[in-house]
mmCIF file of all heavy atoms, coordinates in Angstrom:
data_MODEL
# 
_entry.id   MODEL 
# 
loop_
_atom_site.group_PDB 
_atom_site.id 
_atom_site.type_symbol 
_atom_site.label_atom_id 
_atom_site.label_alt_id 
_atom_site.label_comp_id 
_atom_site.label_asym_id 
_atom_site.label_entity_id 
_atom_site.label_seq_id 
_atom_site.pdbx_PDB_ins_code 
_atom_site.Cartn_x 
_atom_site.Cartn_y 
_atom_site.Cartn_z 
_atom_site.occupancy 
_atom_site.B_iso_or_equiv 
_atom_site.pdbx_formal_charge 
_atom_site.auth_seq_id 
_atom_site.auth_comp_id 
_atom_site.auth_asym_id 
_atom_site.auth_atom_id 
_atom_site.pdbx_PDB_model_num 
ATOM 1   N N   . GLU A 1 1  ? 329.882 -205.109 30.851 1.00 0.00 ? 1  GLU A N   1 
ATOM 2   C CA  . GLU A 1 1  ? 330.525 -206.384 30.520 1.00 0.00 ? 1  GLU A CA  1 
ATOM 3   C C   . GLU A 1 1  ? 329.643 -207.595 30.757 1.00 0.00 ? 1  GLU A C   1 
ATOM 4   O O   . GLU A 1 1  ? 329.774 -208.605 30.069 1.00 0.00 ? 1  GLU A O   1 
ATOM 5   C CB  . GLU A 1 1  ? 331.802 -206.572 31.353 1.00 0.00 ? 1  GLU A CB  1 
ATOM 6   C CG  . GLU A 1 1  ? 332.935 -205.653 31.011 1.00 0.00 ? 1  GLU A CG  1 
ATOM 7   C CD  . GLU A 1 1  ? 334.187 -205.927 31.833 1.00 0.00 ? 1  GLU A CD  1 
ATOM 8   O OE1 . GLU A 1 1  ? 334.237 -206.937 32.565 1.00 0.00 ? 1  GLU A OE1 1 
ATOM 9   O OE2 . GLU A 1 1  ? 335.125 -205.120 31.738 1.00 0.00 ? 1  GLU A OE2 1 
ATOM 10  N N   . LEU A 1 2  ? 328.779 -207.526 31.777 1.00 0.00 ? 2  LEU A N   1 
ATOM 11  C CA  . LEU A 1 2  ? 328.037 -208.710 32.204 1.00 0.00 ? 2  LEU A CA  1 
ATOM 12  C C   . LEU A 1 2  ? 326.521 -208.520 32.258 1.00 0.00 ? 2  LEU A C   1 
ATOM 13  O O   . LEU A 1 2  ? 325.801 -209.424 32.694 1.00 0.00 ? 2  LEU A O   1 
ATOM 14  C CB  . LEU A 1 2  ? 328.549 -209.163 33.578 1.00 0.00 ? 2  LEU A CB  1 
ATOM 15  C CG  . LEU A 1 2  ? 330.027 -209.556 33.635 1.00 0.00 ? 2  LEU A CG  1 
ATOM 16  C CD1 . LEU A 1 2  ? 330.493 -209.694 35.074 1.00 0.00 ? 2  LEU A CD1 1 
ATOM 17  C CD2 . LEU A 1 2  ? 330.273 -210.835 32.856 1.00 0.00 ? 2  LEU A CD2 1 
ATOM 18  N N   . GLU A 1 3  ? 326.042 -207.331 31.858 1.00 0.00 ? 3  GLU A N   1 
ATOM 19  C CA  . GLU A 1 3  ? 324.612 -207.033 31.884 1.00 0.00 ? 3  GLU A CA  1 
ATOM 20  C C   . GLU A 1 3  ? 323.995 -207.349 33.246 1.00 0.00 ? 3  GLU A C   1 
ATOM 21  O O   . GLU A 1 3  ? 322.893 -207.921 33.331 1.00 0.00 ? 3  GLU A O   1 
ATOM 22  C CB  . GLU A 1 3  ? 323.880 -207.788 30.763 1.00 0.00 ? 3  GLU A CB  1 
ATOM 23  C CG  . GLU A 1 3  ? 324.313 -207.372 29.379 1.00 0.00 ? 3  GLU A CG  1 
ATOM 24  C CD  . GLU A 1 3  ? 323.570 -208.102 28.270 1.00 0.00 ? 3  GLU A CD  1 
ATOM 25  O OE1 . GLU A 1 3  ? 322.544 -208.755 28.545 1.00 0.00 ? 3  GLU A OE1 1 
ATOM 26  O OE2 . GLU A 1 3  ? 324.029 -208.019 27.116 1.00 0.00 ? 3  GLU A OE2 1 
ATOM 27  N N   . THR A 1 4  ? 324.705 -206.981 34.299 1.00 0.00 ? 4  THR A N   1 
ATOM 28  C CA  . THR A 1 4  ? 324.278 -207.291 35.655 1.00 0.00 ? 4  THR A CA  1 
ATOM 29  C C   . THR A 1 4  ? 324.463 -206.070 36.548 1.00 0.00 ? 4  THR A C   1 
ATOM 30  O O   . THR A 1 4  ? 325.486 -205.395 36.473 1.00 0.00 ? 4  THR A O   1 
ATOM 31  C CB  . THR A 1 4  ? 325.093 -208.487 36.204 1.00 0.00 ? 4  THR A CB  1 
ATOM 32  O OG1 . THR A 1 4  ? 324.842 -209.626 35.366 1.00 0.00 ? 4  THR A OG1 1 
ATOM 33  C CG2 . THR A 1 4  ? 324.720 -208.824 37.627 1.00 0.00 ? 4  THR A CG2 1 
ATOM 34  N N   . ARG A 1 5  ? 323.460 -205.819 37.387 1.00 0.00 ? 5  ARG A N   1 
ATOM 35  C CA  . ARG A 1 5  ? 323.540 -204.724 38.347 1.00 0.00 ? 5  ARG A CA  1 
ATOM 36  C C   . ARG A 1 5  ? 324.052 -205.291 39.663 1.00 0.00 ? 5  ARG A C   1 
ATOM 37  O O   . ARG A 1 5  ? 323.540 -206.312 40.142 1.00 0.00 ? 5  ARG A O   1 
ATOM 38  C CB  . ARG A 1 5  ? 322.155 -204.084 38.525 1.00 0.00 ? 5  ARG A CB  1 
ATOM 39  C CG  . ARG A 1 5  ? 322.188 -202.730 39.200 1.00 0.00 ? 5  ARG A CG  1 
ATOM 40  C CD  . ARG A 1 5  ? 320.867 -201.994 39.032 1.00 0.00 ? 5  ARG A CD  1 
ATOM 41  N NE  . ARG A 1 5  ? 319.739 -202.669 39.636 1.00 0.00 ? 5  ARG A NE  1 
ATOM 42  C CZ  . ARG A 1 5  ? 319.366 -202.513 40.906 1.00 0.00 ? 5  ARG A CZ  1 
ATOM 43  N NH1 . ARG A 1 5  ? 320.015 -201.699 41.700 1.00 0.00 ? 5  ARG A NH1 1 
ATOM 44  N NH2 . ARG A 1 5  ? 318.324 -203.172 41.377 1.00 0.00 ? 5  ARG A NH2 1 
ATOM 45  N N   . ILE A 1 6  ? 325.059 -204.642 40.209 1.00 0.00 ? 6  ILE A N   1 
ATOM 46  C CA  . ILE A 1 6  ? 325.677 -205.119 41.452 1.00 0.00 ? 6  ILE A CA  1 
ATOM 47  C C   . ILE A 1 6  ? 325.625 -204.032 42.518 1.00 0.00 ? 6  ILE A C   1 
ATOM 48  O O   . ILE A 1 6  ? 325.479 -202.848 42.224 1.00 0.00 ? 6  ILE A O   1 
ATOM 49  C CB  . ILE A 1 6  ? 327.154 -205.529 41.240 1.00 0.00 ? 6  ILE A CB  1 
ATOM 50  C CG1 . ILE A 1 6  ? 327.982 -204.340 40.703 1.00 0.00 ? 6  ILE A CG1 1 
ATOM 51  C CG2 . ILE A 1 6  ? 327.259 -206.746 40.345 1.00 0.00 ? 6  ILE A CG2 1 
ATOM 52  C CD1 . ILE A 1 6  ? 329.481 -204.547 40.743 1.00 0.00 ? 6  ILE A CD1 1 
ATOM 53  N N   . SER A 1 7  ? 325.759 -204.474 43.758 1.00 0.00 ? 7  SER A N   1 
ATOM 54  C CA  . SER A 1 7  ? 326.037 -203.536 44.838 1.00 0.00 ? 7  SER A CA  1 
ATOM 55  C C   . SER A 1 7  ? 327.532 -203.650 45.103 1.00 0.00 ? 7  SER A C   1 
ATOM 56  O O   . SER A 1 7  ? 328.088 -204.757 45.157 1.00 0.00 ? 7  SER A O   1 
ATOM 57  C CB  . SER A 1 7  ? 325.233 -203.866 46.094 1.00 0.00 ? 7  SER A CB  1 
ATOM 58  O OG  . SER A 1 7  ? 325.625 -205.103 46.629 1.00 0.00 ? 7  SER A OG  1 
ATOM 59  N N   . VAL A 1 8  ? 328.195 -202.512 45.209 1.00 0.00 ? 8  VAL A N   1 
ATOM 60  C CA  . VAL A 1 8  ? 329.631 -202.480 45.454 1.00 0.00 ? 8  VAL A CA  1 
ATOM 61  C C   . VAL A 1 8  ? 329.845 -202.206 46.935 1.00 0.00 ? 8  VAL A C   1 
ATOM 62  O O   . VAL A 1 8  ? 329.405 -201.187 47.461 1.00 0.00 ? 8  VAL A O   1 
ATOM 63  C CB  . VAL A 1 8  ? 330.317 -201.407 44.590 1.00 0.00 ? 8  VAL A CB  1 
ATOM 64  C CG1 . VAL A 1 8  ? 331.819 -201.412 44.831 1.00 0.00 ? 8  VAL A CG1 1 
ATOM 65  C CG2 . VAL A 1 8  ? 330.008 -201.634 43.110 1.00 0.00 ? 8  VAL A CG2 1 
ATOM 66  N N   . GLY A 1 9  ? 330.510 -203.146 47.594 1.00 0.00 ? 9  GLY A N   1 
ATOM 67  C CA  . GLY A 1 9  ? 330.722 -203.050 49.026 1.00 0.00 ? 9  GLY A CA  1 
ATOM 68  C C   . GLY A 1 9  ? 332.093 -202.502 49.382 1.00 0.00 ? 9  GLY A C   1 
ATOM 69  O O   . GLY A 1 9  ? 332.621 -201.607 48.720 1.00 0.00 ? 9  GLY A O   1 
ATOM 70  N N   . ASP A 1 10 ? 332.675 -203.088 50.405 1.00 0.00 ? 10 ASP A N   1 
ATOM 71  C CA  . ASP A 1 10 ? 333.939 -202.611 50.957 1.00 0.00 ? 10 ASP A CA  1 
ATOM 72  C C   . ASP A 1 10 ? 335.126 -202.882 50.040 1.00 0.00 ? 10 ASP A C   1 
ATOM 73  O O   . ASP A 1 10 ? 335.163 -203.905 49.346 1.00 0.00 ? 10 ASP A O   1 
ATOM 74  C CB  . ASP A 1 10 ? 334.218 -203.277 52.308 1.00 0.00 ? 10 ASP A CB  1 
ATOM 75  C CG  . ASP A 1 10 ? 333.227 -202.859 53.383 1.00 0.00 ? 10 ASP A CG  1 
ATOM 76  O OD1 . ASP A 1 10 ? 332.627 -201.766 53.256 1.00 0.00 ? 10 ASP A OD1 1 
ATOM 77  O OD2 . ASP A 1 10 ? 333.042 -203.627 54.342 1.00 0.00 ? 10 ASP A OD2 1 
ATOM 78  N N   . LEU A 1 11 ? 336.085 -201.980 50.101 1.00 0.00 ? 11 LEU A N   1 
ATOM 79  C CA  . LEU A 1 11 ? 337.369 -202.179 49.424 1.00 0.00 ? 11 LEU A CA  1 
ATOM 80  C C   . LEU A 1 11 ? 338.120 -203.288 50.148 1.00 0.00 ? 11 LEU A C   1 
ATOM 81  O O   . LEU A 1 11 ? 338.263 -203.251 51.373 1.00 0.00 ? 11 LEU A O   1 
ATOM 82  C CB  . LEU A 1 11 ? 338.177 -200.879 49.459 1.00 0.00 ? 11 LEU A CB  1 
ATOM 83  C CG  . LEU A 1 11 ? 339.580 -200.939 48.854 1.00 0.00 ? 11 LEU A CG  1 
ATOM 84  C CD1 . LEU A 1 11 ? 339.505 -201.073 47.334 1.00 0.00 ? 11 LEU A CD1 1 
ATOM 85  C CD2 . LEU A 1 11 ? 340.369 -199.690 49.233 1.00 0.00 ? 11 LEU A CD2 1 
ATOM 86  N N   . ILE A 1 12 ? 338.570 -204.277 49.391 1.00 0.00 ? 12 ILE A N   1 
ATOM 87  C CA  . ILE A 1 12 ? 339.373 -205.357 49.977 1.00 0.00 ? 12 ILE A CA  1 
ATOM 88  C C   . ILE A 1 12 ? 340.828 -204.910 50.040 1.00 0.00 ? 12 ILE A C   1 
ATOM 89  O O   . ILE A 1 12 ? 341.484 -205.008 51.068 1.00 0.00 ? 12 ILE A O   1 
ATOM 90  C CB  . ILE A 1 12 ? 339.264 -206.652 49.150 1.00 0.00 ? 12 ILE A CB  1 
ATOM 91  C CG1 . ILE A 1 12 ? 337.812 -207.112 49.057 1.00 0.00 ? 12 ILE A CG1 1 
ATOM 92  C CG2 . ILE A 1 12 ? 340.157 -207.744 49.740 1.00 0.00 ? 12 ILE A CG2 1 
ATOM 93  C CD1 . ILE A 1 12 ? 337.581 -208.209 48.048 1.00 0.00 ? 12 ILE A CD1 1 
ATOM 94  N N   . GLU A 1 13 ? 341.314 -204.425 48.892 1.00 0.00 ? 13 GLU A N   1 
ATOM 95  C CA  . GLU A 1 13 ? 342.720 -204.026 48.787 1.00 0.00 ? 13 GLU A CA  1 
ATOM 96  C C   . GLU A 1 13 ? 342.919 -203.314 47.452 1.00 0.00 ? 13 GLU A C   1 
ATOM 97  O O   . GLU A 1 13 ? 342.191 -203.543 46.503 1.00 0.00 ? 13 GLU A O   1 
ATOM 98  C CB  . GLU A 1 13 ? 343.598 -205.278 48.830 1.00 0.00 ? 13 GLU A CB  1 
ATOM 99  C CG  . GLU A 1 13 ? 345.073 -205.016 48.734 1.00 0.00 ? 13 GLU A CG  1 
ATOM 100 C CD  . GLU A 1 13 ? 345.895 -206.299 48.895 1.00 0.00 ? 13 GLU A CD  1 
ATOM 101 O OE1 . GLU A 1 13 ? 345.769 -206.959 49.942 1.00 0.00 ? 13 GLU A OE1 1 
ATOM 102 O OE2 . GLU A 1 13 ? 346.630 -206.629 47.958 1.00 0.00 ? 13 GLU A OE2 1 
ATOM 103 N N   . THR A 1 14 ? 343.921 -202.459 47.412 1.00 0.00 ? 14 THR A N   1 
ATOM 104 C CA  . THR A 1 14 ? 344.368 -201.891 46.142 1.00 0.00 ? 14 THR A CA  1 
ATOM 105 C C   . THR A 1 14 ? 345.643 -202.616 45.760 1.00 0.00 ? 14 THR A C   1 
ATOM 106 O O   . THR A 1 14 ? 346.643 -202.544 46.474 1.00 0.00 ? 14 THR A O   1 
ATOM 107 C CB  . THR A 1 14 ? 344.620 -200.376 46.250 1.00 0.00 ? 14 THR A CB  1 
ATOM 108 O OG1 . THR A 1 14 ? 343.388 -199.737 46.608 1.00 0.00 ? 14 THR A OG1 1 
ATOM 109 C CG2 . THR A 1 14 ? 345.102 -199.815 44.920 1.00 0.00 ? 14 THR A CG2 1 
ATOM 110 N N   . VAL A 1 15 ? 345.570 -203.363 44.669 1.00 0.00 ? 15 VAL A N   1 
ATOM 111 C CA  . VAL A 1 15 ? 346.717 -204.125 44.175 1.00 0.00 ? 15 VAL A CA  1 
ATOM 112 C C   . VAL A 1 15 ? 347.566 -203.199 43.304 1.00 0.00 ? 15 VAL A C   1 
ATOM 113 O O   . VAL A 1 15 ? 347.046 -202.538 42.411 1.00 0.00 ? 15 VAL A O   1 
ATOM 114 C CB  . VAL A 1 15 ? 346.247 -205.347 43.351 1.00 0.00 ? 15 VAL A CB  1 
ATOM 115 C CG1 . VAL A 1 15 ? 347.425 -206.042 42.692 1.00 0.00 ? 15 VAL A CG1 1 
ATOM 116 C CG2 . VAL A 1 15 ? 345.453 -206.308 44.222 1.00 0.00 ? 15 VAL A CG2 1 
ATOM 117 N N   . GLU A 1 16 ? 348.857 -203.158 43.577 1.00 0.00 ? 16 GLU A N   1 
ATOM 118 C CA  . GLU A 1 16 ? 349.813 -202.421 42.754 1.00 0.00 ? 16 GLU A CA  1 
ATOM 119 C C   . GLU A 1 16 ? 350.702 -203.464 42.090 1.00 0.00 ? 16 GLU A C   1 
ATOM 120 O O   . GLU A 1 16 ? 351.336 -204.262 42.781 1.00 0.00 ? 16 GLU A O   1 
ATOM 121 C CB  . GLU A 1 16 ? 350.661 -201.477 43.613 1.00 0.00 ? 16 GLU A CB  1 
ATOM 122 C CG  . GLU A 1 16 ? 349.859 -200.452 44.414 1.00 0.00 ? 16 GLU A CG  1 
ATOM 123 C CD  . GLU A 1 16 ? 349.243 -199.351 43.570 1.00 0.00 ? 16 GLU A CD  1 
ATOM 124 O OE1 . GLU A 1 16 ? 349.680 -199.168 42.403 1.00 0.00 ? 16 GLU A OE1 1 
ATOM 125 O OE2 . GLU A 1 16 ? 348.322 -198.676 44.054 1.00 0.00 ? 16 GLU A OE2 1 
ATOM 126 N N   . TYR A 1 17 ? 350.717 -203.479 40.753 1.00 0.00 ? 17 TYR A N   1 
ATOM 127 C CA  . TYR A 1 17 ? 351.468 -204.521 40.047 1.00 0.00 ? 17 TYR A CA  1 
ATOM 128 C C   . TYR A 1 17 ? 352.148 -203.929 38.821 1.00 0.00 ? 17 TYR A C   1 
ATOM 129 O O   . TYR A 1 17 ? 351.520 -203.220 38.035 1.00 0.00 ? 17 TYR A O   1 
ATOM 130 C CB  . TYR A 1 17 ? 350.542 -205.682 39.628 1.00 0.00 ? 17 TYR A CB  1 
ATOM 131 C CG  . TYR A 1 17 ? 351.320 -206.856 39.120 1.00 0.00 ? 17 TYR A CG  1 
ATOM 132 C CD1 . TYR A 1 17 ? 351.837 -207.796 39.998 1.00 0.00 ? 17 TYR A CD1 1 
ATOM 133 C CD2 . TYR A 1 17 ? 351.581 -207.003 37.765 1.00 0.00 ? 17 TYR A CD2 1 
ATOM 134 C CE1 . TYR A 1 17 ? 352.586 -208.872 39.522 1.00 0.00 ? 17 TYR A CE1 1 
ATOM 135 C CE2 . TYR A 1 17 ? 352.321 -208.068 37.285 1.00 0.00 ? 17 TYR A CE2 1 
ATOM 136 C CZ  . TYR A 1 17 ? 352.823 -208.998 38.179 1.00 0.00 ? 17 TYR A CZ  1 
ATOM 137 O OH  . TYR A 1 17 ? 353.569 -210.041 37.723 1.00 0.00 ? 17 TYR A OH  1 
ATOM 138 N N   . ASP A 1 18 ? 353.425 -204.261 38.645 1.00 0.00 ? 18 ASP A N   1 
ATOM 139 C CA  . ASP A 1 18 ? 354.181 -203.811 37.482 1.00 0.00 ? 18 ASP A CA  1 
ATOM 140 C C   . ASP A 1 18 ? 354.196 -204.889 36.407 1.00 0.00 ? 18 ASP A C   1 
ATOM 141 O O   . ASP A 1 18 ? 354.840 -205.925 36.566 1.00 0.00 ? 18 ASP A O   1 
ATOM 142 C CB  . ASP A 1 18 ? 355.631 -203.473 37.863 1.00 0.00 ? 18 ASP A CB  1 
ATOM 143 C CG  . ASP A 1 18 ? 355.736 -202.187 38.637 1.00 0.00 ? 18 ASP A CG  1 
ATOM 144 O OD1 . ASP A 1 18 ? 354.940 -201.265 38.366 1.00 0.00 ? 18 ASP A OD1 1 
ATOM 145 O OD2 . ASP A 1 18 ? 356.606 -202.083 39.523 1.00 0.00 ? 18 ASP A OD2 1 
ATOM 146 N N   . TYR A 1 19 ? 353.445 -204.627 35.332 1.00 0.00 ? 19 TYR A N   1 
ATOM 147 C CA  . TYR A 1 19 ? 353.546 -205.442 34.126 1.00 0.00 ? 19 TYR A CA  1 
ATOM 148 C C   . TYR A 1 19 ? 354.718 -204.889 33.325 1.00 0.00 ? 19 TYR A C   1 
ATOM 149 O O   . TYR A 1 19 ? 355.207 -203.796 33.617 1.00 0.00 ? 19 TYR A O   1 
ATOM 150 C CB  . TYR A 1 19 ? 352.239 -205.365 33.326 1.00 0.00 ? 19 TYR A CB  1 
ATOM 151 C CG  . TYR A 1 19 ? 351.129 -206.222 33.892 1.00 0.00 ? 19 TYR A CG  1 
ATOM 152 C CD1 . TYR A 1 19 ? 350.141 -205.674 34.705 1.00 0.00 ? 19 TYR A CD1 1 
ATOM 153 C CD2 . TYR A 1 19 ? 351.074 -207.584 33.613 1.00 0.00 ? 19 TYR A CD2 1 
ATOM 154 C CE1 . TYR A 1 19 ? 349.118 -206.466 35.224 1.00 0.00 ? 19 TYR A CE1 1 
ATOM 155 C CE2 . TYR A 1 19 ? 350.057 -208.379 34.124 1.00 0.00 ? 19 TYR A CE2 1 
ATOM 156 C CZ  . TYR A 1 19 ? 349.094 -207.818 34.931 1.00 0.00 ? 19 TYR A CZ  1 
ATOM 157 O OH  . TYR A 1 19 ? 348.096 -208.609 35.440 1.00 0.00 ? 19 TYR A OH  1 
ATOM 158 N N   . PRO A 1 20 ? 355.205 -205.599 32.303 1.00 0.00 ? 20 PRO A N   1 
ATOM 159 C CA  . PRO A 1 20 ? 356.365 -205.103 31.553 1.00 0.00 ? 20 PRO A CA  1 
ATOM 160 C C   . PRO A 1 20 ? 356.184 -203.711 30.952 1.00 0.00 ? 20 PRO A C   1 
ATOM 161 O O   . PRO A 1 20 ? 357.132 -202.926 30.932 1.00 0.00 ? 20 PRO A O   1 
ATOM 162 C CB  . PRO A 1 20 ? 356.554 -206.154 30.450 1.00 0.00 ? 20 PRO A CB  1 
ATOM 163 C CG  . PRO A 1 20 ? 355.974 -207.408 31.018 1.00 0.00 ? 20 PRO A CG  1 
ATOM 164 C CD  . PRO A 1 20 ? 354.819 -206.952 31.878 1.00 0.00 ? 20 PRO A CD  1 
ATOM 165 N N   . ASN A 1 21 ? 354.966 -203.379 30.488 1.00 0.00 ? 21 ASN A N   1 
ATOM 166 C CA  . ASN A 1 21 ? 354.766 -202.113 29.783 1.00 0.00 ? 21 ASN A CA  1 
ATOM 167 C C   . ASN A 1 21 ? 353.967 -201.060 30.544 1.00 0.00 ? 21 ASN A C   1 
ATOM 168 O O   . ASN A 1 21 ? 353.762 -199.962 30.037 1.00 0.00 ? 21 ASN A O   1 
ATOM 169 C CB  . ASN A 1 21 ? 354.077 -202.367 28.436 1.00 0.00 ? 21 ASN A CB  1 
ATOM 170 C CG  . ASN A 1 21 ? 354.922 -203.253 27.546 1.00 0.00 ? 21 ASN A CG  1 
ATOM 171 O OD1 . ASN A 1 21 ? 356.146 -203.130 27.518 1.00 0.00 ? 21 ASN A OD1 1 
ATOM 172 N ND2 . ASN A 1 21 ? 354.283 -204.155 26.831 1.00 0.00 ? 21 ASN A ND2 1 
ATOM 173 N N   . PHE A 1 22 ? 353.482 -201.405 31.727 1.00 0.00 ? 22 PHE A N   1 
ATOM 174 C CA  . PHE A 1 22 ? 352.686 -200.438 32.493 1.00 0.00 ? 22 PHE A CA  1 
ATOM 175 C C   . PHE A 1 22 ? 352.586 -200.871 33.954 1.00 0.00 ? 22 PHE A C   1 
ATOM 176 O O   . PHE A 1 22 ? 352.826 -202.027 34.291 1.00 0.00 ? 22 PHE A O   1 
ATOM 177 C CB  . PHE A 1 22 ? 351.281 -200.270 31.888 1.00 0.00 ? 22 PHE A CB  1 
ATOM 178 C CG  . PHE A 1 22 ? 350.446 -201.520 31.897 1.00 0.00 ? 22 PHE A CG  1 
ATOM 179 C CD1 . PHE A 1 22 ? 349.568 -201.791 32.942 1.00 0.00 ? 22 PHE A CD1 1 
ATOM 180 C CD2 . PHE A 1 22 ? 350.527 -202.444 30.860 1.00 0.00 ? 22 PHE A CD2 1 
ATOM 181 C CE1 . PHE A 1 22 ? 348.799 -202.942 32.951 1.00 0.00 ? 22 PHE A CE1 1 
ATOM 182 C CE2 . PHE A 1 22 ? 349.758 -203.601 30.857 1.00 0.00 ? 22 PHE A CE2 1 
ATOM 183 C CZ  . PHE A 1 22 ? 348.891 -203.844 31.914 1.00 0.00 ? 22 PHE A CZ  1 
ATOM 184 N N   . HIS A 1 23 ? 352.218 -199.905 34.792 1.00 0.00 ? 23 HIS A N   1 
ATOM 185 C CA  . HIS A 1 23 ? 351.945 -200.182 36.202 1.00 0.00 ? 23 HIS A CA  1 
ATOM 186 C C   . HIS A 1 23 ? 350.432 -200.197 36.378 1.00 0.00 ? 23 HIS A C   1 
ATOM 187 O O   . HIS A 1 23 ? 349.740 -199.276 35.945 1.00 0.00 ? 23 HIS A O   1 
ATOM 188 C CB  . HIS A 1 23 ? 352.570 -199.105 37.106 1.00 0.00 ? 23 HIS A CB  1 
ATOM 189 C CG  . HIS A 1 23 ? 352.208 -199.295 38.541 1.00 0.00 ? 23 HIS A CG  1 
ATOM 190 N ND1 . HIS A 1 23 ? 352.867 -200.188 39.353 1.00 0.00 ? 23 HIS A ND1 1 
ATOM 191 C CD2 . HIS A 1 23 ? 351.230 -198.735 39.291 1.00 0.00 ? 23 HIS A CD2 1 
ATOM 192 C CE1 . HIS A 1 23 ? 352.309 -200.154 40.559 1.00 0.00 ? 23 HIS A CE1 1 
ATOM 193 N NE2 . HIS A 1 23 ? 351.323 -199.283 40.548 1.00 0.00 ? 23 HIS A NE2 1 
ATOM 194 N N   . LEU A 1 24 ? 349.919 -201.249 37.009 1.00 0.00 ? 24 LEU A N   1 
ATOM 195 C CA  . LEU A 1 24 ? 348.489 -201.382 37.249 1.00 0.00 ? 24 LEU A CA  1 
ATOM 196 C C   . LEU A 1 24 ? 348.184 -201.087 38.707 1.00 0.00 ? 24 LEU A C   1 
ATOM 197 O O   . LEU A 1 24 ? 348.809 -201.648 39.605 1.00 0.00 ? 24 LEU A O   1 
ATOM 198 C CB  . LEU A 1 24 ? 348.026 -202.808 36.911 1.00 0.00 ? 24 LEU A CB  1 
ATOM 199 C CG  . LEU A 1 24 ? 346.517 -203.027 37.016 1.00 0.00 ? 24 LEU A CG  1 
ATOM 200 C CD1 . LEU A 1 24 ? 345.816 -202.376 35.838 1.00 0.00 ? 24 LEU A CD1 1 
ATOM 201 C CD2 . LEU A 1 24 ? 346.204 -204.509 37.062 1.00 0.00 ? 24 LEU A CD2 1 
ATOM 202 N N   . SER A 1 25 ? 347.224 -200.218 38.922 1.00 0.00 ? 25 SER A N   1 
ATOM 203 C CA  . SER A 1 25 ? 346.686 -199.949 40.251 1.00 0.00 ? 25 SER A CA  1 
ATOM 204 C C   . SER A 1 25 ? 345.229 -200.389 40.216 1.00 0.00 ? 25 SER A C   1 
ATOM 205 O O   . SER A 1 25 ? 344.423 -199.816 39.472 1.00 0.00 ? 25 SER A O   1 
ATOM 206 C CB  . SER A 1 25 ? 346.806 -198.461 40.585 1.00 0.00 ? 25 SER A CB  1 
ATOM 207 O OG  . SER A 1 25 ? 346.274 -198.216 41.871 1.00 0.00 ? 25 SER A OG  1 
ATOM 208 N N   . MET A 1 26 ? 344.889 -201.452 40.977 1.00 0.00 ? 26 MET A N   1 
ATOM 209 C CA  . MET A 1 26 ? 343.568 -202.071 40.879 1.00 0.00 ? 26 MET A CA  1 
ATOM 210 C C   . MET A 1 26 ? 342.879 -202.097 42.240 1.00 0.00 ? 26 MET A C   1 
ATOM 211 O O   . MET A 1 26 ? 343.317 -202.797 43.154 1.00 0.00 ? 26 MET A O   1 
ATOM 212 C CB  . MET A 1 26 ? 343.726 -203.505 40.333 1.00 0.00 ? 26 MET A CB  1 
ATOM 213 C CG  . MET A 1 26 ? 342.433 -204.261 40.176 1.00 0.00 ? 26 MET A CG  1 
ATOM 214 S SD  . MET A 1 26 ? 342.642 -205.839 39.295 1.00 0.00 ? 26 MET A SD  1 
ATOM 215 C CE  . MET A 1 26 ? 343.678 -206.780 40.423 1.00 0.00 ? 26 MET A CE  1 
ATOM 216 N N   . ASP A 1 27 ? 341.792 -201.319 42.348 1.00 0.00 ? 27 ASP A N   1 
ATOM 217 C CA  . ASP A 1 27 ? 340.971 -201.326 43.561 1.00 0.00 ? 27 ASP A CA  1 
ATOM 218 C C   . ASP A 1 27 ? 340.023 -202.512 43.480 1.00 0.00 ? 27 ASP A C   1 
ATOM 219 O O   . ASP A 1 27 ? 339.216 -202.608 42.545 1.00 0.00 ? 27 ASP A O   1 
ATOM 220 C CB  . ASP A 1 27 ? 340.154 -200.041 43.678 1.00 0.00 ? 27 ASP A CB  1 
ATOM 221 C CG  . ASP A 1 27 ? 341.004 -198.800 43.899 1.00 0.00 ? 27 ASP A CG  1 
ATOM 222 O OD1 . ASP A 1 27 ? 342.167 -198.940 44.317 1.00 0.00 ? 27 ASP A OD1 1 
ATOM 223 O OD2 . ASP A 1 27 ? 340.493 -197.694 43.654 1.00 0.00 ? 27 ASP A OD2 1 
ATOM 224 N N   . CYS A 1 28 ? 340.099 -203.422 44.458 1.00 0.00 ? 28 CYS A N   1 
ATOM 225 C CA  . CYS A 1 28 ? 339.280 -204.632 44.469 1.00 0.00 ? 28 CYS A CA  1 
ATOM 226 C C   . CYS A 1 28 ? 338.205 -204.515 45.552 1.00 0.00 ? 28 CYS A C   1 
ATOM 227 O O   . CYS A 1 28 ? 338.530 -204.306 46.727 1.00 0.00 ? 28 CYS A O   1 
ATOM 228 C CB  . CYS A 1 28 ? 340.142 -205.853 44.737 1.00 0.00 ? 28 CYS A CB  1 
ATOM 229 S SG  . CYS A 1 28 ? 341.461 -206.080 43.529 1.00 0.00 ? 28 CYS A SG  1 
# 
């Protein structure tokens, strides 16, 4: 998406959110 190499560190939180048509589970 961004043509950038990153280092991925610690998990902040897993967000659980219900949109009208689907449930989103997002690891941040």
